[in-house]
Structure formats: structure tokens, C-alpha cells
Amino acid sequence: MTLRSSQWLNNANNDVKNFWTRLFIKKFALTIKFNVKTLSELHHQFQSNKLRTLLRGKVNARRI
């Protein structure tokens, strides 16, 4: 009986550890996903600004 109750307790502890591990992994994955999305948006803005600046330079060069 004691073996079974300690075995049950061990399984319960493993379940709790697995729950927290899964939760941590999900949170970590969401953080990475959010950071990648933010970085790609910033990159897109940077490329747009760079293109806009290049086009402005060409327009200004034509006017001179």
C-alpha cells in the first residue's frame, strides 16, 4: 500500500512538473513568435523608409 501511495504521489508530482514545463514552453514559444513578428514589422518599416528615401533622392536629383 505504501509503495502504491508513494508511486501515486510521484506520478502526481510528475504531472505538476509536466504542466509547468508545458506552460513555460508555450509562453516561451509565444514570446519568440511575438518577437519575430515585431522584428519583421520593423524590418518592413525600415525597408519602406529606405525605399522612400531612395525615391526622394532620385526625385530631388532630377529637379536639380
C-alpha atoms as a PDB file:
ATOM      1  CA  MET A   1       0.000   0.000   0.000  1.00  0.00           C
ATOM      2  CA  THR A   2       2.773   2.461   0.866  1.00  0.00           C
ATOM      3  CA  LEU A   3       4.519   1.657  -2.396  1.00  0.00           C
ATOM      4  CA  ARG A   4       1.366   2.426  -4.317  1.00  0.00           C
ATOM      5  CA  SER A   5       0.662   5.674  -2.447  1.00  0.00           C
ATOM      6  CA  SER A   6       4.249   6.875  -2.931  1.00  0.00           C
ATOM      7  CA  GLN A   7       4.024   5.845  -6.578  1.00  0.00           C
ATOM      8  CA  TRP A   8       0.789   7.827  -6.905  1.00  0.00           C
ATOM      9  CA  LEU A   9       2.439  10.830  -5.240  1.00  0.00           C
ATOM     10  CA  ASN A  10       5.390  10.541  -7.617  1.00  0.00           C
ATOM     11  CA  ASN A  11       3.032  10.443 -10.613  1.00  0.00           C
ATOM     12  CA  ALA A  12       1.155  13.473  -9.261  1.00  0.00           C
ATOM     13  CA  ASN A  13       4.438  15.366  -8.857  1.00  0.00           C
ATOM     14  CA  ASN A  14       5.418  14.449 -12.410  1.00  0.00           C
ATOM     15  CA  ASP A  15       2.048  15.686 -13.679  1.00  0.00           C
ATOM     16  CA  VAL A  16       2.566  19.019 -11.909  1.00  0.00           C
ATOM     17  CA  LYS A  17       6.104  19.304 -13.301  1.00  0.00           C
ATOM     18  CA  ASN A  18       4.855  18.433 -16.789  1.00  0.00           C
ATOM     19  CA  PHE A  19       2.093  21.035 -16.524  1.00  0.00           C
ATOM     20  CA  TRP A  20       4.522  23.814 -15.567  1.00  0.00           C
ATOM     21  CA  THR A  21       7.027  22.685 -18.184  1.00  0.00           C
ATOM     22  CA  ARG A  22       4.383  22.719 -20.929  1.00  0.00           C
ATOM     23  CA  LEU A  23       3.118  26.108 -19.750  1.00  0.00           C
ATOM     24  CA  PHE A  24       6.651  27.544 -19.770  1.00  0.00           C
ATOM     25  CA  ILE A  25       7.347  26.145 -23.250  1.00  0.00           C
ATOM     26  CA  LYS A  26       4.073  27.615 -24.598  1.00  0.00           C
ATOM     27  CA  LYS A  27       4.843  31.018 -23.076  1.00  0.00           C
ATOM     28  CA  PHE A  28       8.391  30.897 -24.439  1.00  0.00           C
ATOM     29  CA  ALA A  29       7.131  29.924 -27.914  1.00  0.00           C
ATOM     30  CA  LEU A  30       4.574  32.752 -27.903  1.00  0.00           C
ATOM     31  CA  THR A  31       7.277  35.220 -26.843  1.00  0.00           C
ATOM     32  CA  ILE A  32       9.509  34.106 -29.715  1.00  0.00           C
ATOM     33  CA  LYS A  33       6.590  34.303 -32.160  1.00  0.00           C
ATOM     34  CA  PHE A  34       5.745  37.826 -30.948  1.00  0.00           C
ATOM     35  CA  ASN A  35       9.386  38.954 -31.212  1.00  0.00           C
ATOM     36  CA  VAL A  36       9.732  37.554 -34.741  1.00  0.00           C
ATOM     37  CA  LYS A  37       6.517  39.293 -35.788  1.00  0.00           C
ATOM     38  CA  THR A  38       7.688  42.588 -34.267  1.00  0.00           C
ATOM     39  CA  LEU A  39      11.094  42.286 -35.913  1.00  0.00           C
ATOM     40  CA  SER A  40       9.573  41.524 -39.310  1.00  0.00           C
ATOM     41  CA  GLU A  41       7.260  44.552 -38.985  1.00  0.00           C
ATOM     42  CA  LEU A  42      10.207  46.767 -38.034  1.00  0.00           C
ATOM     43  CA  HIS A  43      12.200  45.381 -40.948  1.00  0.00           C
ATOM     44  CA  HIS A  44       9.293  46.101 -43.304  1.00  0.00           C
ATOM     45  CA  GLN A  45       9.039  49.687 -41.995  1.00  0.00           C
ATOM     46  CA  PHE A  46      12.788  50.120 -42.363  1.00  0.00           C
ATOM     47  CA  GLN A  47      12.685  48.847 -45.961  1.00  0.00           C
ATOM     48  CA  SER A  48       9.741  51.153 -46.760  1.00  0.00           C
ATOM     49  CA  ASN A  49      11.545  54.160 -45.277  1.00  0.00           C
ATOM     50  CA  LYS A  50      14.727  53.220 -47.116  1.00  0.00           C
ATOM     51  CA  LEU A  51      12.832  52.934 -50.411  1.00  0.00           C
ATOM     52  CA  ARG A  52      11.025  56.215 -49.758  1.00  0.00           C
ATOM     53  CA  THR A  53      14.358  57.934 -49.056  1.00  0.00           C
ATOM     54  CA  LEU A  54      15.897  56.493 -52.218  1.00  0.00           C
ATOM     55  CA  LEU A  55      12.920  57.655 -54.284  1.00  0.00           C
ATOM     56  CA  ARG A  56      13.093  61.125 -52.715  1.00  0.00           C
ATOM     57  CA  GLY A  57      16.776  61.282 -53.578  1.00  0.00           C
ATOM     58  CA  LYS A  58      16.044  60.391 -57.199  1.00  0.00           C
ATOM     59  CA  VAL A  59      13.238  62.968 -57.413  1.00  0.00           C
ATOM     60  CA  ASN A  60      15.467  65.657 -55.894  1.00  0.00           C
ATOM     61  CA  ALA A  61      18.321  64.715 -58.240  1.00  0.00           C
ATOM     62  CA  ARG A  62      16.012  65.155 -61.263  1.00  0.00           C
ATOM     63  CA  ARG A  63      14.930  68.615 -60.098  1.00  0.00           C
ATOM     64  CA  ILE A  64      18.491  69.946 -59.890  1.00  0.00           C
END
